[in-house]
Every structure is written in C-alpha cells, then in structure tokens.
Amino acid sequence: MYSQTKIAIPIFQNTKEAVIAVAEDCIDKGADVLEFRIDALDNPNSKEIKEVIEEINFPMIATNRITSEGGSFKGSEEERVNLLLECIDLVDYVDIELQSDDKYISLLNEGSAKTIISYHDFEKTPDLDEIYYIVEKEKELGDIAKVAFMPKDLDDTLKVLAILSHYSNTIAISMSDLGSYTRVMASKFNSPITFAAGTDVTAPGQIDIETMKSLLNMDLTIE
C-alpha cells in the first residue's frame, strides 16, 4: 500500500533560472510538492516570483521564511508578507509563521491556497504541553499546523510522534539525524506532508528524495 503523505522538496536558490532548473530535477526525482523558498532569492520581486511559479507549473508551497526561524529574507515584515500575498492564488499552499501578526495571517487566509501555520525551534524541543498549545493555536489560525524542533535525546523525538498521533492535518518534525526517522513515520500517522531533500538541504536531518520514497512505501505498519 502506497503512502498518502506527500513528499515536499524545498528549493533554496538565489536566481530565477536556478530555481527552475532545480525544480525540474526535483520533479524528475519524484517530488509530490515543491517548497519555493522565496527568501533565498536575491532581491525577490512579485513579477519574478509569479514567472517562476507559472513556468514550473507544479504543486507548490510558497514560503518566505523569517530569519528567526531559519530564513533569509532581508526586507520588512510587510514586504515579506506582501510577496506571499502576490502569489497566493498561484500556489497550493502558503507557509506563514505562527509568530507573524494575526492581521497578515488573516489576509493570507483569504486567498485560495491552504495556509500552513508553522513554528520552528532550531535549539530545543519544548515540553509536550507547550507543543500542544502551539499546535492548537496554529490550527485555530490556518488549515495545516506545522512544528519542527531540535531534539536533545530520543524522548524529544517521541514528543513529535505524540503530536502526530493526536492531531490530523499536522506536520510535526524532529530535526537532526536523531529525529530524521520522524519524517518517515509521519506517513503512518497520515500527516499531509513530509519534507525530503533534493539539491538543497534546508533543515538538519532531511532525507534525500529517493530514500524517502523507498521508505514511505515499505510496510512499516505499527502494531
């Protein structure tokens, strides 16, 4: 039985031409969705972003990540969100951080794309009660909740599996090599999307697309 969890591959390139070239390679390798990291572009503008999306013409997440959560966008918060608003009706999903102003999240929810409300901590994994609180807030604000944490030990990775078992329409990731198995196990909890690496590795512990596809389609039924 094949997994229903979609494999998303991030594209983190600084030019229009490089984004398109990497996208074509990722599609050939079997991606289900592409995550277009707008924040990687040199001086991104709405015209260029729209041209990239239309030329690739493939299911896509538009992400313009803030620096505090591992992103590279150098403009103002208003500029950052406006770039997402400009392309929201051309993509399938748009990712916006939980810490963003509620007014921006509300504007993005008015578009046709599904909203992924995300939270990343590259230093630690909070207590389970705090993670529950974060996910509950995300689910109130958007269509899909996403959390990604850095584990200190195996117990931290199990917190992520607890979240996946408790919530639907949720992406929960434990980063680093220690937590990389959670990216595979996400499919066993019907997580809508998991992330793999193509050309670009954008978070610790991402598994390459070929390995991910093989692992997702293995019979790893939990008994």
C-alpha atoms as a PDB file:
ATOM      1  CA  MET A   1       0.000   0.000   0.000  1.00  0.00           C
ATOM      2  CA  TYR A   2       1.454   3.338  -1.040  1.00  0.00           C
ATOM      3  CA  SER A   3       1.725   6.244   1.364  1.00  0.00           C
ATOM      4  CA  GLN A   4      -0.764   9.103   1.007  1.00  0.00           C
ATOM      5  CA  THR A   5       1.662  11.549   2.613  1.00  0.00           C
ATOM      6  CA  LYS A   6       3.013  13.978   0.046  1.00  0.00           C
ATOM      7  CA  ILE A   7       6.758  14.453  -0.229  1.00  0.00           C
ATOM      8  CA  ALA A   8       7.743  18.111  -0.446  1.00  0.00           C
ATOM      9  CA  ILE A   9      11.200  19.162  -1.583  1.00  0.00           C
ATOM     10  CA  PRO A  10      12.466  22.647  -0.697  1.00  0.00           C
ATOM     11  CA  ILE A  11      14.123  24.753  -3.392  1.00  0.00           C
ATOM     12  CA  PHE A  12      16.593  27.233  -1.932  1.00  0.00           C
ATOM     13  CA  GLN A  13      18.237  29.026  -4.860  1.00  0.00           C
ATOM     14  CA  ASN A  14      19.052  32.693  -5.402  1.00  0.00           C
ATOM     15  CA  THR A  15      18.130  33.155  -9.082  1.00  0.00           C
ATOM     16  CA  LYS A  16      15.047  32.510 -11.186  1.00  0.00           C
ATOM     17  CA  GLU A  17      16.990  30.253 -13.554  1.00  0.00           C
ATOM     18  CA  ALA A  18      18.430  28.146 -10.734  1.00  0.00           C
ATOM     19  CA  VAL A  19      15.028  27.721  -9.074  1.00  0.00           C
ATOM     20  CA  ILE A  20      13.515  26.441 -12.325  1.00  0.00           C
ATOM     21  CA  ALA A  21      16.433  24.089 -13.022  1.00  0.00           C
ATOM     22  CA  VAL A  22      16.345  22.591  -9.519  1.00  0.00           C
ATOM     23  CA  ALA A  23      12.546  22.313  -9.665  1.00  0.00           C
ATOM     24  CA  GLU A  24      12.732  20.281 -12.865  1.00  0.00           C
ATOM     25  CA  ASP A  25      15.291  17.967 -11.260  1.00  0.00           C
ATOM     26  CA  CYS A  26      13.138  17.501  -8.139  1.00  0.00           C
ATOM     27  CA  ILE A  27      10.068  16.729 -10.238  1.00  0.00           C
ATOM     28  CA  ASP A  28      12.057  14.129 -12.176  1.00  0.00           C
ATOM     29  CA  LYS A  29      13.125  12.546  -8.876  1.00  0.00           C
ATOM     30  CA  GLY A  30       9.517  12.098  -7.806  1.00  0.00           C
ATOM     31  CA  ALA A  31       8.538  15.075  -5.649  1.00  0.00           C
ATOM     32  CA  ASP A  32       4.819  15.482  -4.968  1.00  0.00           C
ATOM     33  CA  VAL A  33       5.134  19.133  -3.947  1.00  0.00           C
ATOM     34  CA  LEU A  34       7.847  21.777  -4.220  1.00  0.00           C
ATOM     35  CA  GLU A  35       8.540  24.288  -1.464  1.00  0.00           C
ATOM     36  CA  PHE A  36       9.601  27.530  -3.150  1.00  0.00           C
ATOM     37  CA  ARG A  37      11.802  29.351  -0.636  1.00  0.00           C
ATOM     38  CA  ILE A  38      11.285  32.908  -1.798  1.00  0.00           C
ATOM     39  CA  ASP A  39      13.626  34.185   0.916  1.00  0.00           C
ATOM     40  CA  ALA A  40      16.582  32.594  -0.885  1.00  0.00           C
ATOM     41  CA  LEU A  41      16.179  34.813  -3.956  1.00  0.00           C
ATOM     42  CA  ASP A  42      18.426  37.809  -4.475  1.00  0.00           C
ATOM     43  CA  ASN A  43      16.133  40.870  -4.270  1.00  0.00           C
ATOM     44  CA  PRO A  44      12.877  38.945  -4.786  1.00  0.00           C
ATOM     45  CA  ASN A  45      10.031  40.756  -6.521  1.00  0.00           C
ATOM     46  CA  SER A  46       6.464  39.707  -7.284  1.00  0.00           C
ATOM     47  CA  LYS A  47       6.898  39.689 -11.079  1.00  0.00           C
ATOM     48  CA  GLU A  48       9.846  37.295 -10.933  1.00  0.00           C
ATOM     49  CA  ILE A  49       8.142  35.077  -8.346  1.00  0.00           C
ATOM     50  CA  LYS A  50       4.987  34.765 -10.443  1.00  0.00           C
ATOM     51  CA  GLU A  51       7.031  33.949 -13.552  1.00  0.00           C
ATOM     52  CA  VAL A  52       8.862  31.175 -11.691  1.00  0.00           C
ATOM     53  CA  ILE A  53       5.648  29.637 -10.356  1.00  0.00           C
ATOM     54  CA  GLU A  54       3.882  29.776 -13.709  1.00  0.00           C
ATOM     55  CA  GLU A  55       6.828  28.312 -15.610  1.00  0.00           C
ATOM     56  CA  ILE A  56       7.301  25.420 -13.164  1.00  0.00           C
ATOM     57  CA  ASN A  57       3.530  24.723 -13.126  1.00  0.00           C
ATOM     58  CA  PHE A  58       3.637  22.104 -10.364  1.00  0.00           C
ATOM     59  CA  PRO A  59       2.035  21.760  -6.890  1.00  0.00           C
ATOM     60  CA  MET A  60       3.859  24.249  -4.686  1.00  0.00           C
ATOM     61  CA  ILE A  61       4.250  25.684  -1.201  1.00  0.00           C
ATOM     62  CA  ALA A  62       5.214  29.365  -1.175  1.00  0.00           C
ATOM     63  CA  THR A  63       7.453  30.124   1.799  1.00  0.00           C
ATOM     64  CA  ASN A  64       9.204  33.395   2.651  1.00  0.00           C
ATOM     65  CA  ARG A  65      10.906  32.411   5.882  1.00  0.00           C
ATOM     66  CA  ILE A  66      11.856  34.928   8.574  1.00  0.00           C
ATOM     67  CA  THR A  67      15.445  34.942   9.860  1.00  0.00           C
ATOM     68  CA  SER A  68      14.477  33.972  13.421  1.00  0.00           C
ATOM     69  CA  GLU A  69      13.145  30.650  12.103  1.00  0.00           C
ATOM     70  CA  GLY A  70      15.963  29.811   9.726  1.00  0.00           C
ATOM     71  CA  GLY A  71      15.062  32.105   6.812  1.00  0.00           C
ATOM     72  CA  SER A  72      16.992  34.639   4.769  1.00  0.00           C
ATOM     73  CA  PHE A  73      14.514  37.395   3.904  1.00  0.00           C
ATOM     74  CA  LYS A  74      16.095  40.812   4.450  1.00  0.00           C
ATOM     75  CA  GLY A  75      13.165  43.160   3.869  1.00  0.00           C
ATOM     76  CA  SER A  76      10.455  44.416   6.192  1.00  0.00           C
ATOM     77  CA  GLU A  77       7.700  42.220   7.568  1.00  0.00           C
ATOM     78  CA  GLU A  78       5.152  43.983   5.371  1.00  0.00           C
ATOM     79  CA  GLU A  79       7.285  43.360   2.273  1.00  0.00           C
ATOM     80  CA  ARG A  80       7.763  39.729   3.247  1.00  0.00           C
ATOM     81  CA  VAL A  81       4.049  39.050   3.594  1.00  0.00           C
ATOM     82  CA  ASN A  82       3.130  41.090   0.500  1.00  0.00           C
ATOM     83  CA  LEU A  83       5.272  38.781  -1.656  1.00  0.00           C
ATOM     84  CA  LEU A  84       3.278  35.823  -0.332  1.00  0.00           C
ATOM     85  CA  LEU A  85       0.004  37.651  -0.973  1.00  0.00           C
ATOM     86  CA  GLU A  86       1.052  38.360  -4.575  1.00  0.00           C
ATOM     87  CA  CYS A  87       1.431  34.672  -5.380  1.00  0.00           C
ATOM     88  CA  ILE A  88      -1.106  33.041  -3.056  1.00  0.00           C
ATOM     89  CA  ASP A  89      -3.622  32.309  -5.808  1.00  0.00           C
ATOM     90  CA  LEU A  90      -0.945  30.639  -7.963  1.00  0.00           C
ATOM     91  CA  VAL A  91       0.196  28.042  -5.413  1.00  0.00           C
ATOM     92  CA  ASP A  92      -1.417  25.177  -3.489  1.00  0.00           C
ATOM     93  CA  TYR A  93      -0.103  26.117  -0.052  1.00  0.00           C
ATOM     94  CA  VAL A  94       1.392  29.174   1.604  1.00  0.00           C
ATOM     95  CA  ASP A  95       3.533  28.887   4.747  1.00  0.00           C
ATOM     96  CA  ILE A  96       3.369  31.660   7.354  1.00  0.00           C
ATOM     97  CA  GLU A  97       4.937  31.556  10.805  1.00  0.00           C
ATOM     98  CA  LEU A  98       2.777  31.457  13.931  1.00  0.00           C
ATOM     99  CA  GLN A  99       4.674  34.422  15.327  1.00  0.00           C
ATOM    100  CA  SER A 100       3.518  36.599  12.410  1.00  0.00           C
ATOM    101  CA  ASP A 101       0.976  39.309  13.093  1.00  0.00           C
ATOM    102  CA  ASP A 102      -2.591  37.964  13.085  1.00  0.00           C
ATOM    103  CA  LYS A 103      -3.622  40.579  10.518  1.00  0.00           C
ATOM    104  CA  TYR A 104      -1.169  39.111   7.985  1.00  0.00           C
ATOM    105  CA  ILE A 105      -2.314  35.572   8.677  1.00  0.00           C
ATOM    106  CA  SER A 106      -5.927  36.673   8.167  1.00  0.00           C
ATOM    107  CA  LEU A 107      -5.050  38.248   4.810  1.00  0.00           C
ATOM    108  CA  LEU A 108      -3.365  35.044   3.652  1.00  0.00           C
ATOM    109  CA  ASN A 109      -6.366  33.002   4.711  1.00  0.00           C
ATOM    110  CA  GLU A 110      -8.467  34.973   2.230  1.00  0.00           C
ATOM    111  CA  GLY A 111      -6.538  33.504  -0.709  1.00  0.00           C
ATOM    112  CA  SER A 112      -7.280  30.228  -2.464  1.00  0.00           C
ATOM    113  CA  ALA A 113      -4.192  28.403  -1.168  1.00  0.00           C
ATOM    114  CA  LYS A 114      -4.258  26.314   2.001  1.00  0.00           C
ATOM    115  CA  THR A 115      -2.378  28.015   4.840  1.00  0.00           C
ATOM    116  CA  ILE A 116       0.373  26.178   6.713  1.00  0.00           C
ATOM    117  CA  ILE A 117       0.935  27.885  10.065  1.00  0.00           C
ATOM    118  CA  SER A 118       4.459  26.988  11.130  1.00  0.00           C
ATOM    119  CA  TYR A 119       6.740  27.112  14.142  1.00  0.00           C
ATOM    120  CA  HIS A 120      10.438  26.168  14.156  1.00  0.00           C
ATOM    121  CA  ASP A 121      12.882  25.897  17.045  1.00  0.00           C
ATOM    122  CA  PHE A 122      16.417  25.001  15.985  1.00  0.00           C
ATOM    123  CA  GLU A 123      17.685  24.914  19.582  1.00  0.00           C
ATOM    124  CA  LYS A 124      15.377  22.623  21.554  1.00  0.00           C
ATOM    125  CA  THR A 125      12.152  20.622  21.860  1.00  0.00           C
ATOM    126  CA  PRO A 126       9.671  22.180  24.326  1.00  0.00           C
ATOM    127  CA  ASP A 127       7.644  20.243  26.863  1.00  0.00           C
ATOM    128  CA  LEU A 128       4.748  18.335  25.348  1.00  0.00           C
ATOM    129  CA  ASP A 129       2.130  20.638  26.911  1.00  0.00           C
ATOM    130  CA  GLU A 130       3.775  23.636  25.249  1.00  0.00           C
ATOM    131  CA  ILE A 131       3.826  21.864  21.883  1.00  0.00           C
ATOM    132  CA  TYR A 132       0.121  21.061  22.270  1.00  0.00           C
ATOM    133  CA  TYR A 133      -0.516  24.750  22.904  1.00  0.00           C
ATOM    134  CA  ILE A 134       1.468  25.776  19.801  1.00  0.00           C
ATOM    135  CA  VAL A 135      -0.336  23.304  17.554  1.00  0.00           C
ATOM    136  CA  GLU A 136      -3.756  24.299  18.911  1.00  0.00           C
ATOM    137  CA  LYS A 137      -3.022  27.951  18.102  1.00  0.00           C
ATOM    138  CA  GLU A 138      -1.837  27.026  14.611  1.00  0.00           C
ATOM    139  CA  LYS A 139      -4.955  25.007  13.917  1.00  0.00           C
ATOM    140  CA  GLU A 140      -7.142  27.913  15.002  1.00  0.00           C
ATOM    141  CA  LEU A 141      -5.397  30.195  12.517  1.00  0.00           C
ATOM    142  CA  GLY A 142      -4.882  28.061   9.401  1.00  0.00           C
ATOM    143  CA  ASP A 143      -5.552  24.848   7.501  1.00  0.00           C
ATOM    144  CA  ILE A 144      -2.429  22.857   8.409  1.00  0.00           C
ATOM    145  CA  ALA A 145      -0.292  23.077  11.550  1.00  0.00           C
ATOM    146  CA  LYS A 146       3.472  22.634  11.272  1.00  0.00           C
ATOM    147  CA  VAL A 147       6.055  22.313  14.045  1.00  0.00           C
ATOM    148  CA  ALA A 148       9.739  21.432  13.810  1.00  0.00           C
ATOM    149  CA  PHE A 149      12.035  21.066  16.808  1.00  0.00           C
ATOM    150  CA  MET A 150      15.639  20.181  17.587  1.00  0.00           C
ATOM    151  CA  PRO A 151      15.862  17.079  19.831  1.00  0.00           C
ATOM    152  CA  LYS A 152      18.346  16.625  22.661  1.00  0.00           C
ATOM    153  CA  ASP A 153      17.565  12.925  23.085  1.00  0.00           C
ATOM    154  CA  LEU A 154      15.261  10.162  21.836  1.00  0.00           C
ATOM    155  CA  ASP A 155      12.497  11.213  24.233  1.00  0.00           C
ATOM    156  CA  ASP A 156      12.282  14.543  22.422  1.00  0.00           C
ATOM    157  CA  THR A 157      11.651  12.771  19.122  1.00  0.00           C
ATOM    158  CA  LEU A 158       8.829  10.769  20.705  1.00  0.00           C
ATOM    159  CA  LYS A 159       7.065  14.036  21.580  1.00  0.00           C
ATOM    160  CA  VAL A 160       6.754  14.708  17.852  1.00  0.00           C
ATOM    161  CA  LEU A 161       5.178  11.303  17.268  1.00  0.00           C
ATOM    162  CA  ALA A 162       2.736  12.039  20.099  1.00  0.00           C
ATOM    163  CA  ILE A 163       1.675  15.205  18.279  1.00  0.00           C
ATOM    164  CA  LEU A 164       1.197  13.308  15.018  1.00  0.00           C
ATOM    165  CA  SER A 165      -0.919  10.689  16.768  1.00  0.00           C
ATOM    166  CA  HIS A 166      -3.089  13.346  18.427  1.00  0.00           C
ATOM    167  CA  TYR A 167      -3.780  15.790  15.582  1.00  0.00           C
ATOM    168  CA  SER A 168      -4.904  15.498  11.977  1.00  0.00           C
ATOM    169  CA  ASN A 169      -3.699  17.878   9.225  1.00  0.00           C
ATOM    170  CA  THR A 170      -0.463  18.383  11.117  1.00  0.00           C
ATOM    171  CA  ILE A 171       3.182  18.306  10.053  1.00  0.00           C
ATOM    172  CA  ALA A 172       5.476  17.543  13.002  1.00  0.00           C
ATOM    173  CA  ILE A 173       9.216  17.082  12.560  1.00  0.00           C
ATOM    174  CA  SER A 174      12.081  16.259  14.867  1.00  0.00           C
ATOM    175  CA  MET A 175      15.219  17.618  13.221  1.00  0.00           C
ATOM    176  CA  SER A 176      18.810  16.350  13.035  1.00  0.00           C
ATOM    177  CA  ASP A 177      19.971  12.803  12.359  1.00  0.00           C
ATOM    178  CA  LEU A 178      18.457  11.742  15.683  1.00  0.00           C
ATOM    179  CA  GLY A 179      14.995  12.833  14.604  1.00  0.00           C
ATOM    180  CA  SER A 180      15.181  12.035  10.904  1.00  0.00           C
ATOM    181  CA  TYR A 181      13.089   8.875  11.338  1.00  0.00           C
ATOM    182  CA  THR A 182      10.084  11.052  12.286  1.00  0.00           C
ATOM    183  CA  ARG A 183       9.994  12.334   8.708  1.00  0.00           C
ATOM    184  CA  VAL A 184       9.354   8.779   7.559  1.00  0.00           C
ATOM    185  CA  MET A 185       6.988   7.822  10.369  1.00  0.00           C
ATOM    186  CA  ALA A 186       4.836  10.876   9.587  1.00  0.00           C
ATOM    187  CA  SER A 187       3.131   8.858   6.864  1.00  0.00           C
ATOM    188  CA  LYS A 188       1.995   6.237   9.380  1.00  0.00           C
ATOM    189  CA  PHE A 189       0.038   8.960  11.179  1.00  0.00           C
ATOM    190  CA  ASN A 190      -1.484  10.340   7.958  1.00  0.00           C
ATOM    191  CA  SER A 191       0.467  13.573   8.092  1.00  0.00           C
ATOM    192  CA  PRO A 192      -0.384  15.528   4.912  1.00  0.00           C
ATOM    193  CA  ILE A 193       3.210  16.411   4.004  1.00  0.00           C
ATOM    194  CA  THR A 194       6.737  15.374   4.888  1.00  0.00           C
ATOM    195  CA  PHE A 195       9.927  17.047   3.705  1.00  0.00           C
ATOM    196  CA  ALA A 196      12.861  15.475   1.865  1.00  0.00           C
ATOM    197  CA  ALA A 197      16.000  16.859   0.253  1.00  0.00           C
ATOM    198  CA  GLY A 198      16.662  17.259  -3.461  1.00  0.00           C
ATOM    199  CA  THR A 199      19.543  19.568  -4.326  1.00  0.00           C
ATOM    200  CA  ASP A 200      19.060  21.805  -1.284  1.00  0.00           C
ATOM    201  CA  VAL A 201      19.087  20.762   2.372  1.00  0.00           C
ATOM    202  CA  THR A 202      17.176  23.414   4.321  1.00  0.00           C
ATOM    203  CA  ALA A 203      16.890  21.734   7.740  1.00  0.00           C
ATOM    204  CA  PRO A 204      19.029  19.263   9.714  1.00  0.00           C
ATOM    205  CA  GLY A 205      18.069  15.634   9.199  1.00  0.00           C
ATOM    206  CA  GLN A 206      16.357  15.899   5.822  1.00  0.00           C
ATOM    207  CA  ILE A 207      16.467  12.590   3.942  1.00  0.00           C
ATOM    208  CA  ASP A 208      17.132  12.523   0.203  1.00  0.00           C
ATOM    209  CA  ILE A 209      14.062  12.093  -2.007  1.00  0.00           C
ATOM    210  CA  GLU A 210      14.994   8.671  -3.380  1.00  0.00           C
ATOM    211  CA  THR A 211      15.479   7.189   0.096  1.00  0.00           C
ATOM    212  CA  MET A 212      12.325   8.850   1.395  1.00  0.00           C
ATOM    213  CA  LYS A 213      10.161   7.439  -1.398  1.00  0.00           C
ATOM    214  CA  SER A 214      11.517   3.959  -0.774  1.00  0.00           C
ATOM    215  CA  LEU A 215      10.975   4.146   2.990  1.00  0.00           C
ATOM    216  CA  LEU A 216       7.452   5.591   2.763  1.00  0.00           C
ATOM    217  CA  ASN A 217       6.326   2.714   0.589  1.00  0.00           C
ATOM    218  CA  MET A 218       7.742  -0.028   2.827  1.00  0.00           C
ATOM    219  CA  ASP A 219       5.371  -1.985   5.032  1.00  0.00           C
ATOM    220  CA  LEU A 220       6.159  -0.364   8.381  1.00  0.00           C
ATOM    221  CA  THR A 221       2.749  -0.863   9.970  1.00  0.00           C
ATOM    222  CA  ILE A 222       2.685  -0.074  13.686  1.00  0.00           C
ATOM    223  CA  GLU A 223       1.211  -2.919  15.760  1.00  0.00           C
END
